[in-house]
PDB file of all heavy atoms in Angstrom:
ATOM      1  N   GLY A   1       2.221  -1.116   8.283  1.00  0.00           N
ATOM      2  CA  GLY A   1       3.588  -1.513   8.560  1.00  0.00           C
ATOM      3  C   GLY A   1       3.758  -2.004   9.985  1.00  0.00           C
ATOM      4  O   GLY A   1       2.860  -1.929  10.816  1.00  0.00           O
ATOM      5  N   GLY A   2       4.944  -2.528  10.267  1.00  0.00           N
ATOM      6  CA  GLY A   2       5.243  -3.026  11.588  1.00  0.00           C
ATOM      7  C   GLY A   2       6.523  -3.823  11.603  1.00  0.00           C
ATOM      8  O   GLY A   2       7.280  -3.830  10.636  1.00  0.00           O
ATOM      9  N   LEU A   3       6.743  -4.502  12.712  1.00  0.00           N
ATOM     10  CA  LEU A   3       7.911  -5.355  12.902  1.00  0.00           C
ATOM     11  C   LEU A   3       7.518  -6.797  12.637  1.00  0.00           C
ATOM     12  O   LEU A   3       6.530  -7.294  13.191  1.00  0.00           O
ATOM     13  CB  LEU A   3       8.443  -5.200  14.325  1.00  0.00           C
ATOM     14  CG  LEU A   3       9.592  -6.109  14.742  1.00  0.00           C
ATOM     15  CD1 LEU A   3      10.836  -5.825  13.911  1.00  0.00           C
ATOM     16  CD2 LEU A   3       9.881  -5.930  16.221  1.00  0.00           C
ATOM     17  N   VAL A   4       8.287  -7.477  11.804  1.00  0.00           N
ATOM     18  CA  VAL A   4       7.996  -8.855  11.446  1.00  0.00           C
ATOM     19  C   VAL A   4       9.299  -9.623  11.323  1.00  0.00           C
ATOM     20  O   VAL A   4      10.336  -9.059  10.975  1.00  0.00           O
ATOM     21  CB  VAL A   4       7.179  -8.921  10.136  1.00  0.00           C
ATOM     22  CG1 VAL A   4       7.991  -8.395   8.962  1.00  0.00           C
ATOM     23  CG2 VAL A   4       6.668 -10.319   9.865  1.00  0.00           C
ATOM     24  N   GLN A   5       9.250 -10.913  11.621  1.00  0.00           N
ATOM     25  CA  GLN A   5      10.425 -11.766  11.489  1.00  0.00           C
ATOM     26  C   GLN A   5      10.687 -12.120  10.034  1.00  0.00           C
ATOM     27  O   GLN A   5       9.759 -12.133   9.215  1.00  0.00           O
ATOM     28  CB  GLN A   5      10.238 -13.049  12.296  1.00  0.00           C
ATOM     29  CG  GLN A   5      10.180 -12.839  13.793  1.00  0.00           C
ATOM     30  CD  GLN A   5      10.021 -14.133  14.556  1.00  0.00           C
ATOM     31  OE1 GLN A   5       9.595 -15.145  14.003  1.00  0.00           O
ATOM     32  NE2 GLN A   5      10.362 -14.109  15.830  1.00  0.00           N
ATOM     33  N   PRO A   6      11.936 -12.414   9.682  1.00  0.00           N
ATOM     34  CA  PRO A   6      12.207 -12.905   8.331  1.00  0.00           C
ATOM     35  C   PRO A   6      11.327 -14.102   7.997  1.00  0.00           C
ATOM     36  O   PRO A   6      11.121 -14.992   8.822  1.00  0.00           O
ATOM     37  CB  PRO A   6      13.685 -13.292   8.383  1.00  0.00           C
ATOM     38  CG  PRO A   6      14.258 -12.407   9.439  1.00  0.00           C
ATOM     39  CD  PRO A   6      13.173 -12.274  10.481  1.00  0.00           C
ATOM     40  N   GLY A   7      10.807 -14.102   6.775  1.00  0.00           N
ATOM     41  CA  GLY A   7       9.888 -15.134   6.348  1.00  0.00           C
ATOM     42  C   GLY A   7       8.435 -14.826   6.625  1.00  0.00           C
ATOM     43  O   GLY A   7       7.553 -15.540   6.128  1.00  0.00           O
ATOM     44  N   GLY A   8       8.175 -13.781   7.388  1.00  0.00           N
ATOM     45  CA  GLY A   8       6.823 -13.400   7.726  1.00  0.00           C
ATOM     46  C   GLY A   8       6.156 -12.585   6.642  1.00  0.00           C
ATOM     47  O   GLY A   8       6.714 -12.349   5.564  1.00  0.00           O
ATOM     48  N   SER A   9       4.937 -12.124   6.940  1.00  0.00           N
ATOM     49  CA  SER A   9       4.121 -11.398   5.978  1.00  0.00           C
ATOM     50  C   SER A   9       3.528 -10.145   6.588  1.00  0.00           C
ATOM     51  O   SER A   9       3.283 -10.075   7.792  1.00  0.00           O
ATOM     52  CB  SER A   9       2.976 -12.276   5.469  1.00  0.00           C
ATOM     53  OG  SER A   9       3.451 -13.415   4.777  1.00  0.00           O
ATOM     54  N   LEU A  10       3.301  -9.150   5.748  1.00  0.00           N
ATOM     55  CA  LEU A  10       2.572  -7.940   6.099  1.00  0.00           C
ATOM     56  C   LEU A  10       1.725  -7.529   4.910  1.00  0.00           C
ATOM     57  O   LEU A  10       2.081  -7.805   3.767  1.00  0.00           O
ATOM     58  CB  LEU A  10       3.516  -6.785   6.452  1.00  0.00           C
ATOM     59  CG  LEU A  10       4.228  -6.799   7.797  1.00  0.00           C
ATOM     60  CD1 LEU A  10       5.249  -5.661   7.846  1.00  0.00           C
ATOM     61  CD2 LEU A  10       3.239  -6.659   8.945  1.00  0.00           C
ATOM     62  N   ARG A  11       0.630  -6.844   5.203  1.00  0.00           N
ATOM     63  CA  ARG A  11      -0.222  -6.283   4.165  1.00  0.00           C
ATOM     64  C   ARG A  11      -0.340  -4.783   4.388  1.00  0.00           C
ATOM     65  O   ARG A  11      -0.897  -4.338   5.391  1.00  0.00           O
ATOM     66  CB  ARG A  11      -1.607  -6.916   4.177  1.00  0.00           C
ATOM     67  CG  ARG A  11      -2.525  -6.447   3.036  1.00  0.00           C
ATOM     68  CD  ARG A  11      -3.832  -7.236   3.066  1.00  0.00           C
ATOM     69  NE  ARG A  11      -4.801  -6.809   2.068  1.00  0.00           N
ATOM     70  CZ  ARG A  11      -4.831  -7.237   0.809  1.00  0.00           C
ATOM     71  NH1 ARG A  11      -3.929  -8.109   0.381  1.00  0.00           N
ATOM     72  NH2 ARG A  11      -5.774  -6.804  -0.014  1.00  0.00           N
ATOM     73  N   LEU A  12       0.195  -3.999   3.462  1.00  0.00           N
ATOM     74  CA  LEU A  12       0.137  -2.550   3.536  1.00  0.00           C
ATOM     75  C   LEU A  12      -1.079  -2.027   2.785  1.00  0.00           C
ATOM     76  O   LEU A  12      -1.505  -2.613   1.788  1.00  0.00           O
ATOM     77  CB  LEU A  12       1.395  -1.921   2.939  1.00  0.00           C
ATOM     78  CG  LEU A  12       2.739  -2.410   3.472  1.00  0.00           C
ATOM     79  CD1 LEU A  12       3.866  -1.614   2.825  1.00  0.00           C
ATOM     80  CD2 LEU A  12       2.799  -2.319   4.984  1.00  0.00           C
ATOM     81  N   SER A  13      -1.616  -0.916   3.267  1.00  0.00           N
ATOM     82  CA  SER A  13      -2.733  -0.262   2.621  1.00  0.00           C
ATOM     83  C   SER A  13      -2.394   1.190   2.348  1.00  0.00           C
ATOM     84  O   SER A  13      -1.659   1.822   3.105  1.00  0.00           O
ATOM     85  CB  SER A  13      -3.988  -0.312   3.501  1.00  0.00           C
ATOM     86  OG  SER A  13      -4.393  -1.639   3.744  1.00  0.00           O
ATOM     87  N   CYS A  14      -2.935   1.718   1.278  1.00  0.00           N
ATOM     88  CA  CYS A  14      -2.796   3.123   0.936  1.00  0.00           C
ATOM     89  C   CYS A  14      -4.165   3.638   0.536  1.00  0.00           C
ATOM     90  O   CYS A  14      -4.715   3.210  -0.487  1.00  0.00           O
ATOM     91  CB  CYS A  14      -1.794   3.310  -0.199  1.00  0.00           C
ATOM     92  SG  CYS A  14      -1.742   4.979  -0.892  1.00  0.00           S
ATOM     93  N   ALA A  15      -4.709   4.540   1.341  1.00  0.00           N
ATOM     94  CA  ALA A  15      -6.004   5.137   1.072  1.00  0.00           C
ATOM     95  C   ALA A  15      -5.811   6.498   0.424  1.00  0.00           C
ATOM     96  O   ALA A  15      -5.040   7.319   0.914  1.00  0.00           O
ATOM     97  CB  ALA A  15      -6.804   5.273   2.361  1.00  0.00           C
ATOM     98  N   ALA A  16      -6.516   6.733  -0.664  1.00  0.00           N
ATOM     99  CA  ALA A  16      -6.392   7.968  -1.426  1.00  0.00           C
ATOM    100  C   ALA A  16      -7.687   8.748  -1.398  1.00  0.00           C
ATOM    101  O   ALA A  16      -8.774   8.173  -1.490  1.00  0.00           O
ATOM    102  CB  ALA A  16      -6.003   7.674  -2.873  1.00  0.00           C
ATOM    103  N   SER A  17      -7.560  10.061  -1.294  1.00  0.00           N
ATOM    104  CA  SER A  17      -8.719  10.926  -1.432  1.00  0.00           C
ATOM    105  C   SER A  17      -9.006  11.147  -2.909  1.00  0.00           C
ATOM    106  O   SER A  17      -8.202  10.800  -3.782  1.00  0.00           O
ATOM    107  CB  SER A  17      -8.473  12.256  -0.733  1.00  0.00           C
ATOM    108  OG  SER A  17      -7.430  12.978  -1.371  1.00  0.00           O
ATOM    109  N   GLY A  18     -10.167  11.736  -3.202  1.00  0.00           N
ATOM    110  CA  GLY A  18     -10.505  12.062  -4.573  1.00  0.00           C
ATOM    111  C   GLY A  18     -11.559  11.154  -5.161  1.00  0.00           C
ATOM    112  O   GLY A  18     -11.811  10.052  -4.654  1.00  0.00           O
ATOM    113  N   SER A  19     -12.144  11.595  -6.252  1.00  0.00           N
ATOM    114  CA  SER A  19     -13.255  10.898  -6.880  1.00  0.00           C
ATOM    115  C   SER A  19     -12.889  10.182  -8.168  1.00  0.00           C
ATOM    116  O   SER A  19     -13.750   9.546  -8.774  1.00  0.00           O
ATOM    117  CB  SER A  19     -14.391  11.885  -7.160  1.00  0.00           C
ATOM    118  OG  SER A  19     -13.975  12.904  -8.049  1.00  0.00           O
ATOM    119  N   ILE A  20     -11.631  10.265  -8.601  1.00  0.00           N
ATOM    120  CA  ILE A  20     -11.220   9.645  -9.858  1.00  0.00           C
ATOM    121  C   ILE A  20     -10.110   8.626  -9.633  1.00  0.00           C
ATOM    122  O   ILE A  20      -9.258   8.415 -10.496  1.00  0.00           O
ATOM    123  CB  ILE A  20     -10.789  10.696 -10.896  1.00  0.00           C
ATOM    124  CG1 ILE A  20      -9.667  11.594 -10.358  1.00  0.00           C
ATOM    125  CG2 ILE A  20     -11.976  11.535 -11.330  1.00  0.00           C
ATOM    126  CD1 ILE A  20      -9.066  12.504 -11.417  1.00  0.00           C
ATOM    127  N   PHE A  21     -10.145   7.958  -8.488  1.00  0.00           N
ATOM    128  CA  PHE A  21      -9.117   6.988  -8.141  1.00  0.00           C
ATOM    129  C   PHE A  21      -8.958   5.918  -9.214  1.00  0.00           C
ATOM    130  O   PHE A  21      -7.848   5.460  -9.490  1.00  0.00           O
ATOM    131  CB  PHE A  21      -9.457   6.345  -6.798  1.00  0.00           C
ATOM    132  CG  PHE A  21      -8.494   5.278  -6.373  1.00  0.00           C
ATOM    133  CD1 PHE A  21      -7.297   5.600  -5.764  1.00  0.00           C
ATOM    134  CD2 PHE A  21      -8.798   3.937  -6.585  1.00  0.00           C
ATOM    135  CE1 PHE A  21      -6.410   4.614  -5.366  1.00  0.00           C
ATOM    136  CE2 PHE A  21      -7.917   2.940  -6.191  1.00  0.00           C
ATOM    137  CZ  PHE A  21      -6.720   3.287  -5.580  1.00  0.00           C
ATOM    138  N   SER A  22     -10.049   5.507  -9.825  1.00  0.00           N
ATOM    139  CA  SER A  22     -10.009   4.389 -10.757  1.00  0.00           C
ATOM    140  C   SER A  22      -9.163   4.651 -11.993  1.00  0.00           C
ATOM    141  O   SER A  22      -8.751   3.701 -12.661  1.00  0.00           O
ATOM    142  CB  SER A  22     -11.424   3.992 -11.177  1.00  0.00           C
ATOM    143  OG  SER A  22     -12.057   5.046 -11.882  1.00  0.00           O
ATOM    144  N   ILE A  23      -8.886   5.900 -12.318  1.00  0.00           N
ATOM    145  CA  ILE A  23      -8.091   6.201 -13.503  1.00  0.00           C
ATOM    146  C   ILE A  23      -6.601   6.334 -13.192  1.00  0.00           C
ATOM    147  O   ILE A  23      -5.788   6.446 -14.117  1.00  0.00           O
ATOM    148  CB  ILE A  23      -8.567   7.475 -14.224  1.00  0.00           C
ATOM    149  CG1 ILE A  23      -8.131   8.742 -13.492  1.00  0.00           C
ATOM    150  CG2 ILE A  23     -10.074   7.450 -14.415  1.00  0.00           C
ATOM    151  CD1 ILE A  23      -8.343  10.009 -14.293  1.00  0.00           C
ATOM    152  N   TYR A  24      -6.233   6.316 -11.920  1.00  0.00           N
ATOM    153  CA  TYR A  24      -4.832   6.486 -11.543  1.00  0.00           C
ATOM    154  C   TYR A  24      -4.040   5.202 -11.741  1.00  0.00           C
ATOM    155  O   TYR A  24      -4.533   4.104 -11.499  1.00  0.00           O
ATOM    156  CB  TYR A  24      -4.698   6.867 -10.068  1.00  0.00           C
ATOM    157  CG  TYR A  24      -5.324   8.169  -9.645  1.00  0.00           C
ATOM    158  CD1 TYR A  24      -5.785   8.315  -8.339  1.00  0.00           C
ATOM    159  CD2 TYR A  24      -5.448   9.239 -10.505  1.00  0.00           C
ATOM    160  CE1 TYR A  24      -6.346   9.497  -7.916  1.00  0.00           C
ATOM    161  CE2 TYR A  24      -6.023  10.425 -10.090  1.00  0.00           C
ATOM    162  CZ  TYR A  24      -6.465  10.553  -8.788  1.00  0.00           C
ATOM    163  OH  TYR A  24      -7.030  11.735  -8.369  1.00  0.00           O
ATOM    164  N   ASP A  25      -2.802   5.364 -12.168  1.00  0.00           N
ATOM    165  CA  ASP A  25      -1.807   4.331 -11.940  1.00  0.00           C
ATOM    166  C   ASP A  25      -1.313   4.495 -10.507  1.00  0.00           C
ATOM    167  O   ASP A  25      -1.061   5.613 -10.058  1.00  0.00           O
ATOM    168  CB  ASP A  25      -0.627   4.467 -12.894  1.00  0.00           C
ATOM    169  CG  ASP A  25      -0.961   4.077 -14.316  1.00  0.00           C
ATOM    170  OD1 ASP A  25      -2.011   3.453 -14.555  1.00  0.00           O
ATOM    171  OD2 ASP A  25      -0.139   4.392 -15.207  1.00  0.00           O
ATOM    172  N   MET A  26      -1.167   3.389  -9.783  1.00  0.00           N
ATOM    173  CA  MET A  26      -0.748   3.422  -8.395  1.00  0.00           C
ATOM    174  C   MET A  26       0.551   2.643  -8.221  1.00  0.00           C
ATOM    175  O   MET A  26       0.780   1.636  -8.892  1.00  0.00           O
ATOM    176  CB  MET A  26      -1.817   2.824  -7.482  1.00  0.00           C
ATOM    177  CG  MET A  26      -3.161   3.539  -7.534  1.00  0.00           C
ATOM    178  SD  MET A  26      -3.071   5.259  -6.942  1.00  0.00           S
ATOM    179  CE  MET A  26      -2.502   5.017  -5.252  1.00  0.00           C
ATOM    180  N   GLY A  27       1.379   3.113  -7.307  1.00  0.00           N
ATOM    181  CA  GLY A  27       2.642   2.441  -7.069  1.00  0.00           C
ATOM    182  C   GLY A  27       3.055   2.464  -5.614  1.00  0.00           C
ATOM    183  O   GLY A  27       2.627   3.328  -4.846  1.00  0.00           O
ATOM    184  N   TRP A  28       3.885   1.493  -5.255  1.00  0.00           N
ATOM    185  CA  TRP A  28       4.521   1.431  -3.948  1.00  0.00           C
ATOM    186  C   TRP A  28       6.015   1.652  -4.097  1.00  0.00           C
ATOM    187  O   TRP A  28       6.631   1.132  -5.043  1.00  0.00           O
ATOM    188  CB  TRP A  28       4.269   0.093  -3.260  1.00  0.00           C
ATOM    189  CG  TRP A  28       2.901  -0.054  -2.685  1.00  0.00           C
ATOM    190  CD1 TRP A  28       1.831  -0.674  -3.245  1.00  0.00           C
ATOM    191  CD2 TRP A  28       2.472   0.433  -1.408  1.00  0.00           C
ATOM    192  NE1 TRP A  28       0.754  -0.613  -2.406  1.00  0.00           N
ATOM    193  CE2 TRP A  28       1.114   0.066  -1.265  1.00  0.00           C
ATOM    194  CE3 TRP A  28       3.081   1.127  -0.373  1.00  0.00           C
ATOM    195  CZ2 TRP A  28       0.373   0.385  -0.132  1.00  0.00           C
ATOM    196  CZ3 TRP A  28       2.340   1.444   0.750  1.00  0.00           C
ATOM    197  CH2 TRP A  28       1.007   1.074   0.863  1.00  0.00           C
ATOM    198  N   TYR A  29       6.589   2.392  -3.146  1.00  0.00           N
ATOM    199  CA  TYR A  29       8.001   2.722  -3.110  1.00  0.00           C
ATOM    200  C   TYR A  29       8.513   2.498  -1.699  1.00  0.00           C
ATOM    201  O   TYR A  29       7.739   2.459  -0.751  1.00  0.00           O
ATOM    202  CB  TYR A  29       8.225   4.186  -3.518  1.00  0.00           C
ATOM    203  CG  TYR A  29       7.628   4.536  -4.858  1.00  0.00           C
ATOM    204  CD1 TYR A  29       6.261   4.762  -4.994  1.00  0.00           C
ATOM    205  CD2 TYR A  29       8.423   4.636  -5.992  1.00  0.00           C
ATOM    206  CE1 TYR A  29       5.706   5.073  -6.216  1.00  0.00           C
ATOM    207  CE2 TYR A  29       7.875   4.952  -7.226  1.00  0.00           C
ATOM    208  CZ  TYR A  29       6.520   5.168  -7.330  1.00  0.00           C
ATOM    209  OH  TYR A  29       5.976   5.474  -8.552  1.00  0.00           O
ATOM    210  N   ARG A  30       9.810   2.345  -1.557  1.00  0.00           N
ATOM    211  CA  ARG A  30      10.377   2.217  -0.223  1.00  0.00           C
ATOM    212  C   ARG A  30      11.709   2.950  -0.145  1.00  0.00           C
ATOM    213  O   ARG A  30      12.388   3.152  -1.144  1.00  0.00           O
ATOM    214  CB  ARG A  30      10.554   0.750   0.177  1.00  0.00           C
ATOM    215  CG  ARG A  30      11.605  -0.004  -0.617  1.00  0.00           C
ATOM    216  CD  ARG A  30      11.558  -1.488  -0.269  1.00  0.00           C
ATOM    217  NE  ARG A  30      12.548  -2.247  -1.019  1.00  0.00           N
ATOM    218  CZ  ARG A  30      12.585  -3.562  -1.086  1.00  0.00           C
ATOM    219  NH1 ARG A  30      11.672  -4.283  -0.427  1.00  0.00           N
ATOM    220  NH2 ARG A  30      13.526  -4.180  -1.790  1.00  0.00           N
TER     221      ARG A  30
END
């Protein structure tokens, strides 16, 4: 995250612990 002007872009990342990540449904919320 960060500060960006209208019309700009950001790329968010979410790193998860655990060994079965591939079976999870993942979501973003705000």
